[in-house]
N, C-alpha and C. Protein backbone atom coordinates (compact mmCIF):
# COMPACT_ATOMS: atom_id res chain seq x y z
N MET A 1 24.32 14.82 -0.50
CA MET A 1 23.30 13.86 -0.89
C MET A 1 23.08 12.81 0.21
N ILE A 2 24.16 12.33 0.80
CA ILE A 2 24.05 11.34 1.87
C ILE A 2 23.36 11.94 3.08
N ASP A 3 23.65 13.21 3.38
CA ASP A 3 23.01 13.87 4.52
C ASP A 3 21.51 14.01 4.30
N LEU A 4 21.12 14.31 3.08
CA LEU A 4 19.71 14.44 2.76
C LEU A 4 18.99 13.11 2.97
N LEU A 5 19.59 12.02 2.52
CA LEU A 5 18.98 10.71 2.71
C LEU A 5 18.96 10.31 4.18
N ALA A 6 19.98 10.67 4.91
CA ALA A 6 20.02 10.34 6.34
C ALA A 6 18.94 11.11 7.11
N ASP A 7 18.69 12.35 6.69
CA ASP A 7 17.64 13.13 7.33
C ASP A 7 16.25 12.62 6.99
N ARG A 8 16.10 12.03 5.85
CA ARG A 8 14.80 11.55 5.37
C ARG A 8 14.76 10.03 5.28
N LEU A 9 15.41 9.35 6.20
CA LEU A 9 15.52 7.90 6.14
C LEU A 9 14.16 7.22 6.19
N TYR A 10 13.25 7.75 6.96
CA TYR A 10 11.92 7.14 7.06
C TYR A 10 11.18 7.21 5.73
N TYR A 11 11.36 8.30 5.00
CA TYR A 11 10.73 8.40 3.68
C TYR A 11 11.33 7.38 2.73
N VAL A 12 12.64 7.19 2.80
CA VAL A 12 13.30 6.21 1.94
C VAL A 12 12.78 4.81 2.25
N VAL A 13 12.65 4.48 3.52
CA VAL A 13 12.14 3.17 3.92
C VAL A 13 10.69 3.01 3.48
N ALA A 14 9.89 4.07 3.62
CA ALA A 14 8.49 4.00 3.22
C ALA A 14 8.38 3.73 1.72
N PHE A 15 9.16 4.43 0.91
CA PHE A 15 9.08 4.21 -0.53
C PHE A 15 9.70 2.88 -0.94
N LEU A 16 10.66 2.39 -0.18
CA LEU A 16 11.18 1.05 -0.43
C LEU A 16 10.10 0.00 -0.16
N LEU A 17 9.36 0.17 0.93
CA LEU A 17 8.25 -0.74 1.22
C LEU A 17 7.17 -0.67 0.14
N LEU A 18 6.88 0.54 -0.33
CA LEU A 18 5.91 0.69 -1.41
C LEU A 18 6.39 -0.04 -2.67
N GLY A 19 7.68 0.09 -2.98
CA GLY A 19 8.23 -0.56 -4.17
C GLY A 19 8.23 -2.08 -4.05
N VAL A 20 8.63 -2.58 -2.89
CA VAL A 20 8.65 -4.03 -2.68
C VAL A 20 7.23 -4.60 -2.74
N GLY A 21 6.30 -3.90 -2.13
CA GLY A 21 4.90 -4.36 -2.17
C GLY A 21 4.33 -4.35 -3.57
N THR A 22 4.62 -3.30 -4.33
CA THR A 22 4.14 -3.22 -5.71
C THR A 22 4.76 -4.32 -6.56
N TYR A 23 6.07 -4.53 -6.40
CA TYR A 23 6.75 -5.58 -7.16
C TYR A 23 6.18 -6.95 -6.84
N THR A 24 5.88 -7.20 -5.56
CA THR A 24 5.32 -8.48 -5.17
C THR A 24 3.92 -8.66 -5.73
N LEU A 25 3.14 -7.59 -5.73
CA LEU A 25 1.78 -7.68 -6.30
C LEU A 25 1.81 -7.96 -7.79
N ILE A 26 2.73 -7.32 -8.50
CA ILE A 26 2.77 -7.45 -9.96
C ILE A 26 3.54 -8.70 -10.38
N GLY A 27 4.66 -8.97 -9.71
CA GLY A 27 5.57 -10.00 -10.17
C GLY A 27 5.25 -11.42 -9.76
N SER A 28 4.44 -11.61 -8.76
CA SER A 28 4.20 -12.96 -8.27
C SER A 28 2.90 -13.52 -8.84
N SER A 29 2.91 -14.81 -9.12
CA SER A 29 1.68 -15.45 -9.60
C SER A 29 0.99 -16.22 -8.48
N ASN A 30 1.61 -16.28 -7.32
CA ASN A 30 1.02 -16.95 -6.16
C ASN A 30 0.11 -15.96 -5.43
N VAL A 31 -1.11 -16.39 -5.16
CA VAL A 31 -2.08 -15.46 -4.57
C VAL A 31 -1.75 -15.10 -3.12
N VAL A 32 -1.14 -16.01 -2.38
CA VAL A 32 -0.76 -15.70 -1.00
C VAL A 32 0.34 -14.64 -1.00
N LYS A 33 1.28 -14.75 -1.94
CA LYS A 33 2.33 -13.74 -2.04
C LYS A 33 1.75 -12.39 -2.43
N LYS A 34 0.68 -12.40 -3.21
CA LYS A 34 0.02 -11.13 -3.56
C LYS A 34 -0.62 -10.49 -2.33
N VAL A 35 -1.18 -11.30 -1.46
CA VAL A 35 -1.76 -10.78 -0.21
C VAL A 35 -0.65 -10.21 0.68
N ILE A 36 0.47 -10.91 0.74
CA ILE A 36 1.61 -10.41 1.52
C ILE A 36 2.12 -9.11 0.91
N GLY A 37 2.22 -9.05 -0.41
CA GLY A 37 2.64 -7.82 -1.08
C GLY A 37 1.70 -6.66 -0.80
N MET A 38 0.41 -6.95 -0.75
CA MET A 38 -0.56 -5.91 -0.42
C MET A 38 -0.33 -5.39 1.01
N ASN A 39 -0.01 -6.29 1.93
CA ASN A 39 0.26 -5.87 3.31
C ASN A 39 1.54 -5.04 3.41
N VAL A 40 2.56 -5.42 2.67
CA VAL A 40 3.81 -4.64 2.67
C VAL A 40 3.56 -3.25 2.09
N PHE A 41 2.78 -3.18 1.03
CA PHE A 41 2.41 -1.90 0.42
C PHE A 41 1.66 -1.02 1.42
N GLN A 42 0.69 -1.61 2.13
CA GLN A 42 -0.06 -0.87 3.14
C GLN A 42 0.85 -0.36 4.24
N THR A 43 1.81 -1.16 4.65
CA THR A 43 2.74 -0.74 5.69
C THR A 43 3.56 0.45 5.23
N GLY A 44 3.96 0.46 3.97
CA GLY A 44 4.68 1.61 3.42
C GLY A 44 3.83 2.87 3.45
N ILE A 45 2.57 2.74 3.13
CA ILE A 45 1.66 3.90 3.18
C ILE A 45 1.49 4.39 4.61
N PHE A 46 1.33 3.46 5.55
CA PHE A 46 1.20 3.84 6.95
C PHE A 46 2.43 4.59 7.43
N LEU A 47 3.60 4.06 7.11
CA LEU A 47 4.84 4.71 7.53
C LEU A 47 4.98 6.09 6.91
N PHE A 48 4.59 6.22 5.64
CA PHE A 48 4.68 7.53 4.98
C PHE A 48 3.78 8.56 5.66
N PHE A 49 2.55 8.18 5.97
CA PHE A 49 1.63 9.14 6.61
C PHE A 49 2.10 9.53 8.00
N ILE A 50 2.54 8.56 8.78
CA ILE A 50 3.01 8.86 10.13
C ILE A 50 4.26 9.72 10.07
N THR A 51 5.16 9.43 9.14
CA THR A 51 6.39 10.21 9.00
C THR A 51 6.08 11.64 8.57
N SER A 52 5.15 11.80 7.65
CA SER A 52 4.83 13.15 7.19
C SER A 52 4.09 13.96 8.25
N ALA A 53 3.54 13.31 9.26
CA ALA A 53 2.85 14.03 10.33
C ALA A 53 3.80 14.52 11.41
N PHE A 54 5.07 14.08 11.35
CA PHE A 54 6.04 14.47 12.37
C PHE A 54 6.42 15.95 12.23
N VAL A 55 6.41 16.66 13.35
CA VAL A 55 6.81 18.06 13.38
C VAL A 55 7.91 18.20 14.42
N THR A 56 9.07 18.69 14.01
CA THR A 56 10.20 18.82 14.92
C THR A 56 9.91 19.88 15.98
N GLY A 57 10.09 19.53 17.22
CA GLY A 57 9.90 20.47 18.31
C GLY A 57 8.45 20.71 18.69
N ALA A 58 7.53 19.93 18.14
CA ALA A 58 6.11 20.13 18.45
C ALA A 58 5.73 19.37 19.71
N SER A 59 4.66 19.83 20.31
CA SER A 59 4.18 19.20 21.54
C SER A 59 2.84 18.52 21.27
N PRO A 60 2.39 17.69 22.20
CA PRO A 60 1.09 17.04 22.03
C PRO A 60 -0.03 18.10 21.99
N PRO A 61 -1.13 17.77 21.34
CA PRO A 61 -2.21 18.75 21.22
C PRO A 61 -3.02 18.90 22.50
N LEU A 62 -2.39 19.44 23.53
CA LEU A 62 -3.06 19.71 24.80
C LEU A 62 -3.17 21.23 24.98
N LEU A 63 -4.15 21.65 25.70
CA LEU A 63 -4.34 23.10 25.89
C LEU A 63 -3.22 23.72 26.69
N THR A 64 -2.60 22.96 27.56
CA THR A 64 -1.54 23.52 28.40
C THR A 64 -0.16 23.45 27.75
N ALA A 65 -0.03 22.73 26.64
CA ALA A 65 1.27 22.58 25.97
C ALA A 65 1.54 23.78 25.07
N PRO A 66 2.79 24.17 24.96
CA PRO A 66 3.11 25.30 24.09
C PRO A 66 3.01 24.93 22.61
N ALA A 67 2.79 25.95 21.78
CA ALA A 67 2.71 25.74 20.33
C ALA A 67 4.11 25.54 19.79
N PRO A 68 4.32 24.95 18.67
CA PRO A 68 3.38 24.32 17.73
C PRO A 68 2.93 22.96 18.24
N HIS A 69 1.78 22.54 17.74
CA HIS A 69 1.20 21.27 18.15
C HIS A 69 1.29 20.26 17.01
N VAL A 70 1.30 18.99 17.38
CA VAL A 70 1.23 17.90 16.40
C VAL A 70 -0.23 17.58 16.15
N SER A 71 -0.61 17.47 14.89
CA SER A 71 -1.99 17.11 14.55
C SER A 71 -2.23 15.63 14.83
N PRO A 72 -3.27 15.31 15.59
CA PRO A 72 -3.54 13.90 15.87
C PRO A 72 -4.29 13.21 14.73
N LEU A 73 -4.75 13.96 13.75
CA LEU A 73 -5.56 13.39 12.68
C LEU A 73 -4.84 12.29 11.90
N PRO A 74 -3.58 12.48 11.45
CA PRO A 74 -2.93 11.37 10.72
C PRO A 74 -2.80 10.09 11.55
N HIS A 75 -2.56 10.23 12.83
CA HIS A 75 -2.43 9.05 13.68
C HIS A 75 -3.76 8.31 13.79
N VAL A 76 -4.83 9.05 13.91
CA VAL A 76 -6.16 8.44 14.00
C VAL A 76 -6.51 7.77 12.69
N LEU A 77 -6.19 8.42 11.57
CA LEU A 77 -6.47 7.82 10.26
C LEU A 77 -5.68 6.53 10.06
N ILE A 78 -4.44 6.51 10.49
CA ILE A 78 -3.63 5.31 10.33
C ILE A 78 -4.13 4.18 11.23
N LEU A 79 -4.57 4.50 12.44
CA LEU A 79 -5.15 3.46 13.30
C LEU A 79 -6.38 2.85 12.64
N THR A 80 -7.21 3.68 12.04
CA THR A 80 -8.38 3.18 11.31
C THR A 80 -7.95 2.35 10.11
N ALA A 81 -6.93 2.81 9.39
CA ALA A 81 -6.46 2.09 8.21
C ALA A 81 -5.86 0.74 8.60
N ILE A 82 -5.22 0.66 9.75
CA ILE A 82 -4.67 -0.62 10.21
C ILE A 82 -5.80 -1.62 10.46
N VAL A 83 -6.88 -1.16 11.08
CA VAL A 83 -8.03 -2.04 11.32
C VAL A 83 -8.63 -2.50 10.00
N VAL A 84 -8.78 -1.59 9.05
CA VAL A 84 -9.31 -1.94 7.73
C VAL A 84 -8.36 -2.90 7.02
N GLY A 85 -7.05 -2.68 7.15
CA GLY A 85 -6.07 -3.55 6.52
C GLY A 85 -6.11 -4.96 7.07
N VAL A 86 -6.26 -5.10 8.38
CA VAL A 86 -6.36 -6.42 9.00
C VAL A 86 -7.63 -7.12 8.52
N SER A 87 -8.72 -6.39 8.44
CA SER A 87 -9.97 -6.97 7.95
C SER A 87 -9.84 -7.40 6.49
N LEU A 88 -9.22 -6.58 5.69
CA LEU A 88 -9.02 -6.90 4.29
C LEU A 88 -8.14 -8.13 4.13
N THR A 89 -7.11 -8.24 4.95
CA THR A 89 -6.23 -9.41 4.91
C THR A 89 -6.99 -10.67 5.30
N ALA A 90 -7.83 -10.58 6.31
CA ALA A 90 -8.61 -11.74 6.74
C ALA A 90 -9.56 -12.20 5.64
N VAL A 91 -10.23 -11.27 4.99
CA VAL A 91 -11.14 -11.62 3.90
C VAL A 91 -10.36 -12.20 2.72
N ALA A 92 -9.23 -11.59 2.39
CA ALA A 92 -8.43 -12.07 1.27
C ALA A 92 -7.92 -13.49 1.54
N LEU A 93 -7.44 -13.75 2.74
CA LEU A 93 -6.95 -15.09 3.06
C LEU A 93 -8.10 -16.10 3.10
N GLY A 94 -9.28 -15.68 3.52
CA GLY A 94 -10.45 -16.56 3.45
C GLY A 94 -10.79 -16.91 2.01
N LEU A 95 -10.69 -15.92 1.12
CA LEU A 95 -10.93 -16.19 -0.30
C LEU A 95 -9.84 -17.09 -0.88
N VAL A 96 -8.61 -16.93 -0.42
CA VAL A 96 -7.51 -17.78 -0.89
C VAL A 96 -7.77 -19.23 -0.50
N VAL A 97 -8.23 -19.45 0.71
CA VAL A 97 -8.54 -20.81 1.15
C VAL A 97 -9.65 -21.40 0.29
N ARG A 98 -10.66 -20.60 0.01
CA ARG A 98 -11.78 -21.08 -0.82
C ARG A 98 -11.33 -21.38 -2.25
N VAL A 99 -10.48 -20.54 -2.81
CA VAL A 99 -9.95 -20.76 -4.16
C VAL A 99 -9.11 -22.03 -4.19
N TYR A 100 -8.31 -22.26 -3.16
CA TYR A 100 -7.49 -23.47 -3.10
C TYR A 100 -8.37 -24.72 -3.01
N GLU A 101 -9.44 -24.65 -2.22
CA GLU A 101 -10.35 -25.79 -2.13
C GLU A 101 -11.03 -26.07 -3.47
N GLU A 102 -11.33 -25.02 -4.22
CA GLU A 102 -12.04 -25.17 -5.50
C GLU A 102 -11.12 -25.64 -6.62
N TYR A 103 -9.93 -25.03 -6.72
CA TYR A 103 -9.05 -25.29 -7.86
C TYR A 103 -7.84 -26.15 -7.52
N GLY A 104 -7.50 -26.32 -6.26
CA GLY A 104 -6.38 -27.15 -5.88
C GLY A 104 -5.02 -26.51 -6.10
N THR A 105 -4.97 -25.23 -6.38
CA THR A 105 -3.71 -24.52 -6.59
C THR A 105 -3.86 -23.07 -6.18
N LEU A 106 -2.72 -22.43 -5.95
CA LEU A 106 -2.73 -21.00 -5.63
C LEU A 106 -2.03 -20.20 -6.72
N ASN A 107 -1.66 -20.87 -7.82
CA ASN A 107 -1.01 -20.21 -8.94
C ASN A 107 -2.06 -19.51 -9.80
N GLU A 108 -1.86 -18.25 -10.05
CA GLU A 108 -2.85 -17.45 -10.77
C GLU A 108 -3.06 -17.94 -12.21
N GLU A 109 -1.98 -18.30 -12.90
CA GLU A 109 -2.11 -18.77 -14.28
C GLU A 109 -2.86 -20.09 -14.35
N ALA A 110 -2.57 -20.99 -13.40
CA ALA A 110 -3.26 -22.28 -13.38
C ALA A 110 -4.75 -22.10 -13.10
N ILE A 111 -5.07 -21.20 -12.21
CA ILE A 111 -6.49 -20.91 -11.91
C ILE A 111 -7.17 -20.35 -13.14
N ARG A 112 -6.48 -19.47 -13.85
CA ARG A 112 -7.06 -18.89 -15.06
C ARG A 112 -7.28 -19.95 -16.13
N ARG A 113 -6.32 -20.87 -16.29
CA ARG A 113 -6.48 -21.95 -17.28
C ARG A 113 -7.63 -22.86 -16.93
N VAL A 114 -7.74 -23.22 -15.65
CA VAL A 114 -8.82 -24.12 -15.22
C VAL A 114 -10.16 -23.44 -15.37
N SER A 115 -10.25 -22.16 -15.07
CA SER A 115 -11.54 -21.47 -15.19
C SER A 115 -11.93 -21.28 -16.66
N HIS A 116 -10.97 -21.17 -17.58
CA HIS A 116 -11.29 -21.08 -19.02
C HIS A 116 -11.74 -22.43 -19.57
N ASP A 117 -11.22 -23.51 -18.99
CA ASP A 117 -11.61 -24.85 -19.47
C ASP A 117 -13.01 -25.20 -19.05
N GLU A 118 -13.50 -24.60 -17.99
CA GLU A 118 -14.85 -24.97 -17.48
C GLU A 118 -15.94 -24.33 -18.26
């Protein structure tokens, strides 16, 4: 069992990141912590995709390299996802600043109470 986990350590770390990110998204009432949890979750997904694209003994996808080849598609998708993730984080933090200016707090329950009172 220990050997299996040692061989698949990257998968374990990826799912740990997914779990920590999900717990932070669900368990925290602070909106900034929710944004951080979303980033941790995204990092877990990125690590999982890159890890699953690894092929032992494979070479780069060049015409002169011997087979088997590593597919460059997961790497390209993750690079695109990182750009989208950074953009999403920037928009989310911009919204957090605006919410703080409007309500004076970053606590989700307090924002909900204030918005119900209005």
